[in-house]
Amino acid sequence: MNPAEAYILNQTEPYQSILLYLQSAIERTIPNAQLKFKWNIPCFYCEGSPICYLNAVVKKGYVDVGFWNSAHFTKYLDQLVSDNRKVVRSLRYRSLEEIDNELLIAVLQEAYNLRMKAFYKKK
């Protein structure tokens, strides 16, 4: 078992179920995405470019789906949390019921389409 899968399977509930669901949704939406383990969390890459990461933030009670290239996003900005981060924005889930599939898929598709863009947006 690779470390990213172990990270997901070693989480307590409800985090494990949320992470497994998100992993499945990402793999269905971006079939060529590769699950890697970077910075001690599961990260999805496509064609060498980062798409998103999954992070169980147990102390605060949610799972974070973070997007590195969100500086280039033009849609769904009101749904993404920046939480005092300069570039990365994320979708956060406290339960499976909170997951809006249409929104998740749309944000994943935008991240995929922008995968070759730089981390920062040049002015």
PDB file of N, CA and C in Angstrom:
ATOM      1  N   MET A   1       0.857  -1.177   0.000  1.00  0.00           N
ATOM      2  CA  MET A   1       0.000   0.000   0.000  1.00  0.00           C
ATOM      3  C   MET A   1       0.902   1.239   0.000  1.00  0.00           C
ATOM      4  N   ASN A   2       0.559   2.191  -0.855  1.00  0.00           N
ATOM      5  CA  ASN A   2       1.383   3.391  -0.884  1.00  0.00           C
ATOM      6  C   ASN A   2       1.026   4.313   0.288  1.00  0.00           C
ATOM      7  N   PRO A   3       1.929   5.224   0.660  1.00  0.00           N
ATOM      8  CA  PRO A   3       1.699   6.081   1.833  1.00  0.00           C
ATOM      9  C   PRO A   3       0.449   6.959   1.735  1.00  0.00           C
ATOM     10  N   ALA A   4       0.083   7.397   0.529  1.00  0.00           N
ATOM     11  CA  ALA A   4      -1.115   8.226   0.384  1.00  0.00           C
ATOM     12  C   ALA A   4      -2.371   7.425   0.728  1.00  0.00           C
ATOM     13  N   GLU A   5      -2.424   6.193   0.263  1.00  0.00           N
ATOM     14  CA  GLU A   5      -3.563   5.335   0.584  1.00  0.00           C
ATOM     15  C   GLU A   5      -3.585   5.005   2.073  1.00  0.00           C
ATOM     16  N   ALA A   6      -2.404   4.769   2.658  1.00  0.00           N
ATOM     17  CA  ALA A   6      -2.320   4.484   4.090  1.00  0.00           C
ATOM     18  C   ALA A   6      -2.824   5.681   4.904  1.00  0.00           C
ATOM     19  N   TYR A   7      -2.460   6.893   4.475  1.00  0.00           N
ATOM     20  CA  TYR A   7      -2.933   8.116   5.145  1.00  0.00           C
ATOM     21  C   TYR A   7      -4.459   8.120   5.209  1.00  0.00           C
ATOM     22  N   ILE A   8      -5.088   7.835   4.077  1.00  0.00           N
ATOM     23  CA  ILE A   8      -6.544   7.855   4.000  1.00  0.00           C
ATOM     24  C   ILE A   8      -7.155   6.756   4.874  1.00  0.00           C
ATOM     25  N   LEU A   9      -6.632   5.551   4.765  1.00  0.00           N
ATOM     26  CA  LEU A   9      -7.202   4.413   5.492  1.00  0.00           C
ATOM     27  C   LEU A   9      -6.943   4.469   6.996  1.00  0.00           C
ATOM     28  N   ASN A  10      -5.935   5.221   7.425  1.00  0.00           N
ATOM     29  CA  ASN A  10      -5.623   5.333   8.853  1.00  0.00           C
ATOM     30  C   ASN A  10      -6.390   6.448   9.556  1.00  0.00           C
ATOM     31  N   GLN A  11      -7.226   7.173   8.832  1.00  0.00           N
ATOM     32  CA  GLN A  11      -8.008   8.246   9.442  1.00  0.00           C
ATOM     33  C   GLN A  11      -9.215   7.664  10.184  1.00  0.00           C
ATOM     34  N   THR A  12      -9.645   8.363  11.208  1.00  0.00           N
ATOM     35  CA  THR A  12     -10.865   7.984  11.922  1.00  0.00           C
ATOM     36  C   THR A  12     -12.075   8.501  11.148  1.00  0.00           C
ATOM     37  N   GLU A  13     -13.236   8.018  11.511  1.00  0.00           N
ATOM     38  CA  GLU A  13     -14.469   8.508  10.891  1.00  0.00           C
ATOM     39  C   GLU A  13     -14.831   9.855  11.509  1.00  0.00           C
ATOM     40  N   PRO A  14     -15.440  10.755  10.790  1.00  0.00           N
ATOM     41  CA  PRO A  14     -15.944  10.646   9.423  1.00  0.00           C
ATOM     42  C   PRO A  14     -14.886  10.957   8.348  1.00  0.00           C
ATOM     43  N   TYR A  15     -13.664  11.281   8.783  1.00  0.00           N
ATOM     44  CA  TYR A  15     -12.625  11.723   7.847  1.00  0.00           C
ATOM     45  C   TYR A  15     -12.276  10.653   6.813  1.00  0.00           C
ATOM     46  N   GLN A  16     -12.192   9.413   7.241  1.00  0.00           N
ATOM     47  CA  GLN A  16     -11.849   8.338   6.311  1.00  0.00           C
ATOM     48  C   GLN A  16     -12.881   8.234   5.191  1.00  0.00           C
ATOM     49  N   SER A  17     -14.151   8.248   5.542  1.00  0.00           N
ATOM     50  CA  SER A  17     -15.210   8.138   4.535  1.00  0.00           C
ATOM     51  C   SER A  17     -15.199   9.327   3.579  1.00  0.00           C
ATOM     52  N   ILE A  18     -14.997  10.506   4.117  1.00  0.00           N
ATOM     53  CA  ILE A  18     -14.940  11.712   3.273  1.00  0.00           C
ATOM     54  C   ILE A  18     -13.751  11.619   2.319  1.00  0.00           C
ATOM     55  N   LEU A  19     -12.586  11.241   2.843  1.00  0.00           N
ATOM     56  CA  LEU A  19     -11.385  11.128   2.013  1.00  0.00           C
ATOM     57  C   LEU A  19     -11.550  10.070   0.919  1.00  0.00           C
ATOM     58  N   LEU A  20     -12.115   8.924   1.266  1.00  0.00           N
ATOM     59  CA  LEU A  20     -12.336   7.871   0.268  1.00  0.00           C
ATOM     60  C   LEU A  20     -13.291   8.341  -0.818  1.00  0.00           C
ATOM     61  N   TYR A  21     -14.335   9.041  -0.426  1.00  0.00           N
ATOM     62  CA  TYR A  21     -15.290   9.558  -1.396  1.00  0.00           C
ATOM     63  C   TYR A  21     -14.619  10.575  -2.317  1.00  0.00           C
ATOM     64  N   LEU A  22     -13.845  11.493  -1.732  1.00  0.00           N
ATOM     65  CA  LEU A  22     -13.163  12.513  -2.526  1.00  0.00           C
ATOM     66  C   LEU A  22     -12.139  11.883  -3.472  1.00  0.00           C
ATOM     67  N   GLN A  23     -11.405  10.897  -2.985  1.00  0.00           N
ATOM     68  CA  GLN A  23     -10.436  10.197  -3.831  1.00  0.00           C
ATOM     69  C   GLN A  23     -11.148   9.596  -5.045  1.00  0.00           C
ATOM     70  N   SER A  24     -12.256   8.939  -4.808  1.00  0.00           N
ATOM     71  CA  SER A  24     -13.022   8.323  -5.891  1.00  0.00           C
ATOM     72  C   SER A  24     -13.536   9.385  -6.872  1.00  0.00           C
ATOM     73  N   ALA A  25     -14.048  10.489  -6.347  1.00  0.00           N
ATOM     74  CA  ALA A  25     -14.575  11.555  -7.205  1.00  0.00           C
ATOM     75  C   ALA A  25     -13.470  12.168  -8.059  1.00  0.00           C
ATOM     76  N   ILE A  26     -12.303  12.368  -7.476  1.00  0.00           N
ATOM     77  CA  ILE A  26     -11.181  12.939  -8.221  1.00  0.00           C
ATOM     78  C   ILE A  26     -10.743  11.981  -9.324  1.00  0.00           C
ATOM     79  N   GLU A  27     -10.631  10.705  -8.998  1.00  0.00           N
ATOM     80  CA  GLU A  27     -10.193   9.708  -9.981  1.00  0.00           C
ATOM     81  C   GLU A  27     -11.220   9.514 -11.095  1.00  0.00           C
ATOM     82  N   ARG A  28     -12.501   9.685 -10.799  1.00  0.00           N
ATOM     83  CA  ARG A  28     -13.538   9.601 -11.843  1.00  0.00           C
ATOM     84  C   ARG A  28     -13.518  10.845 -12.732  1.00  0.00           C
ATOM     85  N   THR A  29     -13.293  12.001 -12.141  1.00  0.00           N
ATOM     86  CA  THR A  29     -13.316  13.261 -12.875  1.00  0.00           C
ATOM     87  C   THR A  29     -12.064  13.454 -13.715  1.00  0.00           C
ATOM     88  N   ILE A  30     -10.927  13.038 -13.169  1.00  0.00           N
ATOM     89  CA  ILE A  30      -9.640  13.186 -13.852  1.00  0.00           C
ATOM     90  C   ILE A  30      -8.987  11.803 -13.889  1.00  0.00           C
ATOM     91  N   PRO A  31      -9.380  10.981 -14.850  1.00  0.00           N
ATOM     92  CA  PRO A  31      -8.932   9.582 -14.866  1.00  0.00           C
ATOM     93  C   PRO A  31      -7.416   9.383 -14.902  1.00  0.00           C
ATOM     94  N   ASN A  32      -6.677  10.315 -15.455  1.00  0.00           N
ATOM     95  CA  ASN A  32      -5.223  10.157 -15.530  1.00  0.00           C
ATOM     96  C   ASN A  32      -4.493  10.794 -14.340  1.00  0.00           C
ATOM     97  N   ALA A  33      -5.226  11.194 -13.323  1.00  0.00           N
ATOM     98  CA  ALA A  33      -4.602  11.770 -12.120  1.00  0.00           C
ATOM     99  C   ALA A  33      -3.841  10.683 -11.362  1.00  0.00           C
ATOM    100  N   GLN A  34      -2.694  11.061 -10.852  1.00  0.00           N
ATOM    101  CA  GLN A  34      -1.861  10.143 -10.073  1.00  0.00           C
ATOM    102  C   GLN A  34      -1.880  10.565  -8.614  1.00  0.00           C
ATOM    103  N   LEU A  35      -2.129   9.608  -7.738  1.00  0.00           N
ATOM    104  CA  LEU A  35      -2.124   9.853  -6.302  1.00  0.00           C
ATOM    105  C   LEU A  35      -0.704   9.684  -5.786  1.00  0.00           C
ATOM    106  N   LYS A  36      -0.168  10.760  -5.196  1.00  0.00           N
ATOM    107  CA  LYS A  36       1.180  10.740  -4.631  1.00  0.00           C
ATOM    108  C   LYS A  36       1.097  11.170  -3.174  1.00  0.00           C
ATOM    109  N   PHE A  37       2.184  10.988  -2.469  1.00  0.00           N
ATOM    110  CA  PHE A  37       2.260  11.389  -1.064  1.00  0.00           C
ATOM    111  C   PHE A  37       3.361  12.439  -0.937  1.00  0.00           C
ATOM    112  N   LYS A  38       2.965  13.686  -0.797  1.00  0.00           N
ATOM    113  CA  LYS A  38       3.895  14.810  -0.686  1.00  0.00           C
ATOM    114  C   LYS A  38       3.511  15.620   0.547  1.00  0.00           C
ATOM    115  N   TRP A  39       4.508  16.124   1.235  1.00  0.00           N
ATOM    116  CA  TRP A  39       4.282  16.951   2.426  1.00  0.00           C
ATOM    117  C   TRP A  39       3.388  16.248   3.448  1.00  0.00           C
ATOM    118  N   ASN A  40       3.500  14.925   3.502  1.00  0.00           N
ATOM    119  CA  ASN A  40       2.759  14.084   4.448  1.00  0.00           C
ATOM    120  C   ASN A  40       1.247  14.085   4.238  1.00  0.00           C
ATOM    121  N   ILE A  41       0.806  14.398   3.026  1.00  0.00           N
ATOM    122  CA  ILE A  41      -0.620  14.339   2.688  1.00  0.00           C
ATOM    123  C   ILE A  41      -0.783  13.782   1.273  1.00  0.00           C
ATOM    124  N   PRO A  42      -1.962  13.223   0.959  1.00  0.00           N
ATOM    125  CA  PRO A  42      -2.223  12.747  -0.405  1.00  0.00           C
ATOM    126  C   PRO A  42      -2.371  13.929  -1.368  1.00  0.00           C
ATOM    127  N   CYS A  43      -1.683  13.839  -2.492  1.00  0.00           N
ATOM    128  CA  CYS A  43      -1.725  14.884  -3.520  1.00  0.00           C
ATOM    129  C   CYS A  43      -1.993  14.240  -4.869  1.00  0.00           C
ATOM    130  N   PHE A  44      -2.796  14.904  -5.669  1.00  0.00           N
ATOM    131  CA  PHE A  44      -3.086  14.414  -7.011  1.00  0.00           C
ATOM    132  C   PHE A  44      -2.336  15.261  -8.031  1.00  0.00           C
ATOM    133  N   TYR A  45      -1.640  14.565  -8.929  1.00  0.00           N
ATOM    134  CA  TYR A  45      -0.879  15.198  -9.995  1.00  0.00           C
ATOM    135  C   TYR A  45      -1.392  14.678 -11.330  1.00  0.00           C
ATOM    136  N   CYS A  46      -1.244  15.497 -12.354  1.00  0.00           N
ATOM    137  CA  CYS A  46      -1.604  15.102 -13.696  1.00  0.00           C
ATOM    138  C   CYS A  46      -0.561  15.670 -14.648  1.00  0.00           C
ATOM    139  N   GLU A  47       0.076  14.786 -15.400  1.00  0.00           N
ATOM    140  CA  GLU A  47       1.102  15.202 -16.352  1.00  0.00           C
ATOM    141  C   GLU A  47       2.191  16.031 -15.673  1.00  0.00           C
ATOM    142  N   GLY A  48       2.541  15.652 -14.462  1.00  0.00           N
ATOM    143  CA  GLY A  48       3.592  16.318 -13.710  1.00  0.00           C
ATOM    144  C   GLY A  48       3.179  17.584 -12.985  1.00  0.00           C
ATOM    145  N   SER A  49       1.946  18.019 -13.158  1.00  0.00           N
ATOM    146  CA  SER A  49       1.460  19.240 -12.515  1.00  0.00           C
ATOM    147  C   SER A  49       0.505  18.902 -11.373  1.00  0.00           C
ATOM    148  N   PRO A  50       0.606  19.633 -10.260  1.00  0.00           N
ATOM    149  CA  PRO A  50      -0.304  19.376  -9.145  1.00  0.00           C
ATOM    150  C   PRO A  50      -1.722  19.844  -9.459  1.00  0.00           C
ATOM    151  N   ILE A  51      -2.684  19.041  -9.050  1.00  0.00           N
ATOM    152  CA  ILE A  51      -4.095  19.392  -9.226  1.00  0.00           C
ATOM    153  C   ILE A  51      -4.690  19.819  -7.887  1.00  0.00           C
ATOM    154  N   CYS A  52      -4.583  18.935  -6.886  1.00  0.00           N
ATOM    155  CA  CYS A  52      -5.147  19.226  -5.572  1.00  0.00           C
ATOM    156  C   CYS A  52      -4.525  18.312  -4.526  1.00  0.00           C
ATOM    157  N   TYR A  53      -4.789  18.631  -3.268  1.00  0.00           N
ATOM    158  CA  TYR A  53      -4.359  17.767  -2.172  1.00  0.00           C
ATOM    159  C   TYR A  53      -5.539  17.524  -1.248  1.00  0.00           C
ATOM    160  N   LEU A  54      -5.440  16.469  -0.457  1.00  0.00           N
ATOM    161  CA  LEU A  54      -6.449  16.134   0.550  1.00  0.00           C
ATOM    162  C   LEU A  54      -5.793  16.194   1.919  1.00  0.00           C
ATOM    163  N   ASN A  55      -6.436  16.851   2.853  1.00  0.00           N
ATOM    164  CA  ASN A  55      -5.868  16.983   4.187  1.00  0.00           C
ATOM    165  C   ASN A  55      -6.974  16.869   5.232  1.00  0.00           C
ATOM    166  N   ALA A  56      -6.863  15.880   6.093  1.00  0.00           N
ATOM    167  CA  ALA A  56      -7.803  15.741   7.208  1.00  0.00           C
ATOM    168  C   ALA A  56      -7.321  16.636   8.339  1.00  0.00           C
ATOM    169  N   VAL A  57      -8.055  17.694   8.601  1.00  0.00           N
ATOM    170  CA  VAL A  57      -7.702  18.641   9.654  1.00  0.00           C
ATOM    171  C   VAL A  57      -8.577  18.290  10.864  1.00  0.00           C
ATOM    172  N   VAL A  58      -8.167  17.247  11.558  1.00  0.00           N
ATOM    173  CA  VAL A  58      -8.971  16.668  12.631  1.00  0.00           C
ATOM    174  C   VAL A  58      -9.209  17.674  13.757  1.00  0.00           C
ATOM    175  N   LYS A  59      -8.201  18.450  14.113  1.00  0.00           N
ATOM    176  CA  LYS A  59      -8.352  19.417  15.214  1.00  0.00           C
ATOM    177  C   LYS A  59      -9.463  20.427  14.942  1.00  0.00           C
ATOM    178  N   LYS A  60      -9.685  20.747  13.670  1.00  0.00           N
ATOM    179  CA  LYS A  60     -10.719  21.719  13.324  1.00  0.00           C
ATOM    180  C   LYS A  60     -11.981  21.052  12.781  1.00  0.00           C
ATOM    181  N   GLY A  61     -11.925  19.737  12.550  1.00  0.00           N
ATOM    182  CA  GLY A  61     -13.120  18.984  12.198  1.00  0.00           C
ATOM    183  C   GLY A  61     -13.528  18.983  10.742  1.00  0.00           C
ATOM    184  N   TYR A  62     -12.575  19.071   9.820  1.00  0.00           N
ATOM    185  CA  TYR A  62     -12.952  19.044   8.409  1.00  0.00           C
ATOM    186  C   TYR A  62     -11.868  18.397   7.553  1.00  0.00           C
ATOM    187  N   VAL A  63     -12.259  18.098   6.309  1.00  0.00           N
ATOM    188  CA  VAL A  63     -11.311  17.639   5.294  1.00  0.00           C
ATOM    189  C   VAL A  63     -11.175  18.767   4.282  1.00  0.00           C
ATOM    190  N   ASP A  64      -9.952  19.089   3.980  1.00  0.00           N
ATOM    191  CA  ASP A  64      -9.610  20.174   3.067  1.00  0.00           C
ATOM    192  C   ASP A  64      -9.226  19.583   1.711  1.00  0.00           C
ATOM    193  N   VAL A  65      -9.846  20.085   0.642  1.00  0.00           N
ATOM    194  CA  VAL A  65      -9.417  19.757  -0.721  1.00  0.00           C
ATOM    195  C   VAL A  65      -8.799  21.038  -1.249  1.00  0.00           C
ATOM    196  N   GLY A  66      -7.465  21.100  -1.235  1.00  0.00           N
ATOM    197  CA  GLY A  66      -6.761  22.327  -1.582  1.00  0.00           C
ATOM    198  C   GLY A  66      -6.312  22.351  -3.026  1.00  0.00           C
ATOM    199  N   PHE A  67      -6.369  23.532  -3.613  1.00  0.00           N
ATOM    200  CA  PHE A  67      -5.994  23.730  -5.012  1.00  0.00           C
ATOM    201  C   PHE A  67      -4.859  24.742  -5.105  1.00  0.00           C
ATOM    202  N   TRP A  68      -3.704  24.289  -5.616  1.00  0.00           N
ATOM    203  CA  TRP A  68      -2.521  25.152  -5.706  1.00  0.00           C
ATOM    204  C   TRP A  68      -2.693  26.274  -6.712  1.00  0.00           C
ATOM    205  N   ASN A  69      -3.302  25.991  -7.838  1.00  0.00           N
ATOM    206  CA  ASN A  69      -3.387  26.985  -8.898  1.00  0.00           C
ATOM    207  C   ASN A  69      -4.660  27.825  -8.821  1.00  0.00           C
ATOM    208  N   SER A  70      -5.235  27.933  -7.668  1.00  0.00           N
ATOM    209  CA  SER A  70      -6.498  28.655  -7.517  1.00  0.00           C
ATOM    210  C   SER A  70      -6.354  30.152  -7.763  1.00  0.00           C
ATOM    211  N   ALA A  71      -5.133  30.673  -7.828  1.00  0.00           N
ATOM    212  CA  ALA A  71      -4.936  32.087  -8.159  1.00  0.00           C
ATOM    213  C   ALA A  71      -5.477  32.384  -9.554  1.00  0.00           C
ATOM    214  N   HIS A  72      -5.580  31.370 -10.391  1.00  0.00           N
ATOM    215  CA  HIS A  72      -6.056  31.531 -11.765  1.00  0.00           C
ATOM    216  C   HIS A  72      -7.540  31.209 -11.925  1.00  0.00           C
ATOM    217  N   PHE A  73      -8.188  30.732 -10.870  1.00  0.00           N
ATOM    218  CA  PHE A  73      -9.601  30.379 -10.958  1.00  0.00           C
ATOM    219  C   PHE A  73     -10.434  31.627 -11.255  1.00  0.00           C
ATOM    220  N   THR A  74     -11.462  31.447 -12.053  1.00  0.00           N
ATOM    221  CA  THR A  74     -12.380  32.547 -12.348  1.00  0.00           C
ATOM    222  C   THR A  74     -13.798  32.231 -11.890  1.00  0.00           C
ATOM    223  N   LYS A  75     -14.042  30.965 -11.573  1.00  0.00           N
ATOM    224  CA  LYS A  75     -15.383  30.527 -11.167  1.00  0.00           C
ATOM    225  C   LYS A  75     -15.353  30.015  -9.730  1.00  0.00           C
ATOM    226  N   TYR A  76     -16.497  30.033  -9.094  1.00  0.00           N
ATOM    227  CA  TYR A  76     -16.723  29.411  -7.779  1.00  0.00           C
ATOM    228  C   TYR A  76     -15.860  30.011  -6.664  1.00  0.00           C
ATOM    229  N   LEU A  77     -15.350  31.208  -6.855  1.00  0.00           N
ATOM    230  CA  LEU A  77     -14.486  31.820  -5.846  1.00  0.00           C
ATOM    231  C   LEU A  77     -15.231  32.036  -4.529  1.00  0.00           C
ATOM    232  N   ASP A  78     -16.533  32.240  -4.603  1.00  0.00           N
ATOM    233  CA  ASP A  78     -17.322  32.436  -3.390  1.00  0.00           C
ATOM    234  C   ASP A  78     -17.514  31.135  -2.614  1.00  0.00           C
ATOM    235  N   GLN A  79     -17.240  29.992  -3.234  1.00  0.00           N
ATOM    236  CA  GLN A  79     -17.372  28.694  -2.584  1.00  0.00           C
ATOM    237  C   GLN A  79     -16.052  28.178  -2.000  1.00  0.00           C
ATOM    238  N   LEU A  80     -14.957  28.810  -2.397  1.00  0.00           N
ATOM    239  CA  LEU A  80     -13.632  28.359  -1.973  1.00  0.00           C
ATOM    240  C   LEU A  80     -13.152  29.164  -0.776  1.00  0.00           C
ATOM    241  N   VAL A  81     -12.453  28.493   0.124  1.00  0.00           N
ATOM    242  CA  VAL A  81     -11.961  29.112   1.353  1.00  0.00           C
ATOM    243  C   VAL A  81     -10.480  29.433   1.191  1.00  0.00           C
ATOM    244  N   SER A  82     -10.107  30.677   1.487  1.00  0.00           N
ATOM    245  CA  SER A  82      -8.678  31.032   1.430  1.00  0.00           C
ATOM    246  C   SER A  82      -8.058  30.997   2.820  1.00  0.00           C
ATOM    247  N   ASP A  83      -8.836  31.313   3.856  1.00  0.00           N
ATOM    248  CA  ASP A  83      -8.406  31.167   5.249  1.00  0.00           C
ATOM    249  C   ASP A  83      -7.004  31.714   5.512  1.00  0.00           C
ATOM    250  N   ASN A  84      -6.793  32.970   5.140  1.00  0.00           N
ATOM    251  CA  ASN A  84      -5.525  33.675   5.358  1.00  0.00           C
ATOM    252  C   ASN A  84      -4.353  33.075   4.579  1.00  0.00           C
ATOM    253  N   ARG A  85      -4.633  32.314   3.546  1.00  0.00           N
ATOM    254  CA  ARG A  85      -3.574  31.802   2.675  1.00  0.00           C
ATOM    255  C   ARG A  85      -3.483  32.732   1.475  1.00  0.00           C
ATOM    256  N   LYS A  86      -2.286  32.950   0.990  1.00  0.00           N
ATOM    257  CA  LYS A  86      -2.080  33.905  -0.098  1.00  0.00           C
ATOM    258  C   LYS A  86      -2.541  33.372  -1.450  1.00  0.00           C
ATOM    259  N   VAL A  87      -2.339  32.099  -1.714  1.00  0.00           N
ATOM    260  CA  VAL A  87      -2.646  31.563  -3.036  1.00  0.00           C
ATOM    261  C   VAL A  87      -3.613  30.388  -2.982  1.00  0.00           C
ATOM    262  N   VAL A  88      -3.357  29.427  -2.132  1.00  0.00           N
ATOM    263  CA  VAL A  88      -4.157  28.201  -2.089  1.00  0.00           C
ATOM    264  C   VAL A  88      -5.564  28.491  -1.573  1.00  0.00           C
ATOM    265  N   ARG A  89      -6.530  27.904  -2.272  1.00  0.00           N
ATOM    266  CA  ARG A  89      -7.929  27.943  -1.822  1.00  0.00           C
ATOM    267  C   ARG A  89      -8.435  26.519  -1.773  1.00  0.00           C
ATOM    268  N   SER A  90      -9.475  26.306  -1.000  1.00  0.00           N
ATOM    269  CA  SER A  90      -9.930  24.927  -0.831  1.00  0.00           C
ATOM    270  C   SER A  90     -11.436  24.829  -0.650  1.00  0.00           C
ATOM    271  N   LEU A  91     -11.908  23.614  -0.869  1.00  0.00           N
ATOM    272  CA  LEU A  91     -13.261  23.216  -0.497  1.00  0.00           C
ATOM    273  C   LEU A  91     -13.122  22.456   0.812  1.00  0.00           C
ATOM    274  N   ARG A  92     -14.020  22.685   1.742  1.00  0.00           N
ATOM    275  CA  ARG A  92     -13.951  22.023   3.057  1.00  0.00           C
ATOM    276  C   ARG A  92     -15.237  21.271   3.332  1.00  0.00           C
ATOM    277  N   TYR A  93     -15.029  20.086   3.911  1.00  0.00           N
ATOM    278  CA  TYR A  93     -16.169  19.220   4.200  1.00  0.00           C
ATOM    279  C   TYR A  93     -16.065  18.646   5.605  1.00  0.00           C
ATOM    280  N   ARG A  94     -17.172  18.749   6.344  1.00  0.00           N
ATOM    281  CA  ARG A  94     -17.258  18.184   7.691  1.00  0.00           C
ATOM    282  C   ARG A  94     -18.038  16.873   7.696  1.00  0.00           C
ATOM    283  N   SER A  95     -18.744  16.593   6.604  1.00  0.00           N
ATOM    284  CA  SER A  95     -19.513  15.348   6.488  1.00  0.00           C
ATOM    285  C   SER A  95     -19.694  15.015   5.012  1.00  0.00           C
ATOM    286  N   LEU A  96     -20.050  13.770   4.739  1.00  0.00           N
ATOM    287  CA  LEU A  96     -20.325  13.350   3.360  1.00  0.00           C
ATOM    288  C   LEU A  96     -21.510  14.116   2.780  1.00  0.00           C
ATOM    289  N   GLU A  97     -22.473  14.417   3.624  1.00  0.00           N
ATOM    290  CA  GLU A  97     -23.682  15.095   3.172  1.00  0.00           C
ATOM    291  C   GLU A  97     -23.402  16.513   2.677  1.00  0.00           C
ATOM    292  N   GLU A  98     -22.324  17.125   3.135  1.00  0.00           N
ATOM    293  CA  GLU A  98     -21.977  18.490   2.718  1.00  0.00           C
ATOM    294  C   GLU A  98     -21.413  18.552   1.301  1.00  0.00           C
ATOM    295  N   ILE A  99     -21.000  17.427   0.759  1.00  0.00           N
ATOM    296  CA  ILE A  99     -20.319  17.435  -0.536  1.00  0.00           C
ATOM    297  C   ILE A  99     -21.329  17.685  -1.654  1.00  0.00           C
ATOM    298  N   ASP A 100     -21.126  18.775  -2.364  1.00  0.00           N
ATOM    299  CA  ASP A 100     -21.928  19.123  -3.535  1.00  0.00           C
ATOM    300  C   ASP A 100     -21.164  18.589  -4.745  1.00  0.00           C
ATOM    301  N   ASN A 101     -21.621  17.460  -5.290  1.00  0.00           N
ATOM    302  CA  ASN A 101     -20.917  16.795  -6.392  1.00  0.00           C
ATOM    303  C   ASN A 101     -20.712  17.694  -7.596  1.00  0.00           C
ATOM    304  N   GLU A 102     -21.740  18.438  -7.970  1.00  0.00           N
ATOM    305  CA  GLU A 102     -21.622  19.306  -9.139  1.00  0.00           C
ATOM    306  C   GLU A 102     -20.536  20.352  -8.933  1.00  0.00           C
ATOM    307  N   LEU A 103     -20.502  20.961  -7.763  1.00  0.00           N
ATOM    308  CA  LEU A 103     -19.479  21.965  -7.458  1.00  0.00           C
ATOM    309  C   LEU A 103     -18.091  21.328  -7.424  1.00  0.00           C
ATOM    310  N   LEU A 104     -17.962  20.198  -6.748  1.00  0.00           N
ATOM    311  CA  LEU A 104     -16.672  19.519  -6.656  1.00  0.00           C
ATOM    312  C   LEU A 104     -16.134  19.188  -8.044  1.00  0.00           C
ATOM    313  N   ILE A 105     -16.959  18.618  -8.889  1.00  0.00           N
ATOM    314  CA  ILE A 105     -16.537  18.234 -10.240  1.00  0.00           C
ATOM    315  C   ILE A 105     -16.172  19.472 -11.057  1.00  0.00           C
ATOM    316  N   ALA A 106     -16.957  20.527 -10.942  1.00  0.00           N
ATOM    317  CA  ALA A 106     -16.670  21.757 -11.696  1.00  0.00           C
ATOM    318  C   ALA A 106     -15.336  22.370 -11.265  1.00  0.00           C
ATOM    319  N   VAL A 107     -15.065  22.396  -9.967  1.00  0.00           N
ATOM    320  CA  VAL A 107     -13.803  22.953  -9.474  1.00  0.00           C
ATOM    321  C   VAL A 107     -12.629  22.067  -9.895  1.00  0.00           C
ATOM    322  N   LEU A 108     -12.802  20.758  -9.818  1.00  0.00           N
ATOM    323  CA  LEU A 108     -11.754  19.838 -10.273  1.00  0.00           C
ATOM    324  C   LEU A 108     -11.459  20.035 -11.761  1.00  0.00           C
ATOM    325  N   GLN A 109     -12.491  20.209 -12.558  1.00  0.00           N
ATOM    326  CA  GLN A 109     -12.290  20.422 -13.991  1.00  0.00           C
ATOM    327  C   GLN A 109     -11.564  21.735 -14.249  1.00  0.00           C
ATOM    328  N   GLU A 110     -11.897  22.767 -13.498  1.00  0.00           N
ATOM    329  CA  GLU A 110     -11.192  24.045 -13.663  1.00  0.00           C
ATOM    330  C   GLU A 110      -9.726  23.892 -13.256  1.00  0.00           C
ATOM    331  N   ALA A 111      -9.467  23.196 -12.156  1.00  0.00           N
ATOM    332  CA  ALA A 111      -8.085  22.959 -11.727  1.00  0.00           C
ATOM    333  C   ALA A 111      -7.320  22.173 -12.791  1.00  0.00           C
ATOM    334  N   TYR A 112      -7.965  21.184 -13.374  1.00  0.00           N
ATOM    335  CA  TYR A 112      -7.328  20.395 -14.425  1.00  0.00           C
ATOM    336  C   TYR A 112      -7.015  21.269 -15.639  1.00  0.00           C
ATOM    337  N   ASN A 113      -7.955  22.091 -16.050  1.00  0.00           N
ATOM    338  CA  ASN A 113      -7.756  22.957 -17.211  1.00  0.00           C
ATOM    339  C   ASN A 113      -6.655  23.990 -16.983  1.00  0.00           C
ATOM    340  N   LEU A 114      -6.424  24.357 -15.742  1.00  0.00           N
ATOM    341  CA  LEU A 114      -5.407  25.367 -15.401  1.00  0.00           C
ATOM    342  C   LEU A 114      -4.112  24.736 -14.880  1.00  0.00           C
ATOM    343  N   ARG A 115      -3.951  23.424 -15.013  1.00  0.00           N
ATOM    344  CA  ARG A 115      -2.845  22.707 -14.389  1.00  0.00           C
ATOM    345  C   ARG A 115      -1.464  23.190 -14.823  1.00  0.00           C
ATOM    346  N   MET A 116      -1.352  23.761 -15.992  1.00  0.00           N
ATOM    347  CA  MET A 116      -0.042  24.202 -16.483  1.00  0.00           C
ATOM    348  C   MET A 116       0.281  25.638 -16.078  1.00  0.00           C
ATOM    349  N   LYS A 117      -0.655  26.299 -15.426  1.00  0.00           N
ATOM    350  CA  LYS A 117      -0.414  27.677 -14.983  1.00  0.00           C
ATOM    351  C   LYS A 117       0.517  27.682 -13.772  1.00  0.00           C
ATOM    352  N   ALA A 118       1.205  28.772 -13.588  1.00  0.00           N
ATOM    353  CA  ALA A 118       2.130  28.933 -12.465  1.00  0.00           C
ATOM    354  C   ALA A 118       1.361  29.036 -11.147  1.00  0.00           C
ATOM    355  N   PHE A 119       2.078  28.821 -10.053  1.00  0.00           N
ATOM    356  CA  PHE A 119       1.485  28.900  -8.722  1.00  0.00           C
ATOM    357  C   PHE A 119       0.894  30.287  -8.480  1.00  0.00           C
ATOM    358  N   TYR A 120       1.688  31.306  -8.760  1.00  0.00           N
ATOM    359  CA  TYR A 120       1.238  32.690  -8.583  1.00  0.00           C
ATOM    360  C   TYR A 120       0.737  33.249  -9.902  1.00  0.00           C
ATOM    361  N   LYS A 121      -0.193  34.153  -9.817  1.00  0.00           N
ATOM    362  CA  LYS A 121      -0.699  34.830 -11.008  1.00  0.00           C
ATOM    363  C   LYS A 121       0.096  36.111 -11.179  1.00  0.00           C
ATOM    364  N   LYS A 122       0.747  36.247 -12.320  1.00  0.00           N
ATOM    365  CA  LYS A 122       1.530  37.453 -12.577  1.00  0.00           C
ATOM    366  C   LYS A 122       0.606  38.591 -12.940  1.00  0.00           C
ATOM    367  N   LYS A 123       0.925  39.752 -12.410  1.00  0.00           N
ATOM    368  CA  LYS A 123       0.079  40.943 -12.650  1.00  0.00           C
ATOM    369  C   LYS A 123       0.511  41.679 -13.873  1.00  0.00           C
TER     370      LYS A 123
END
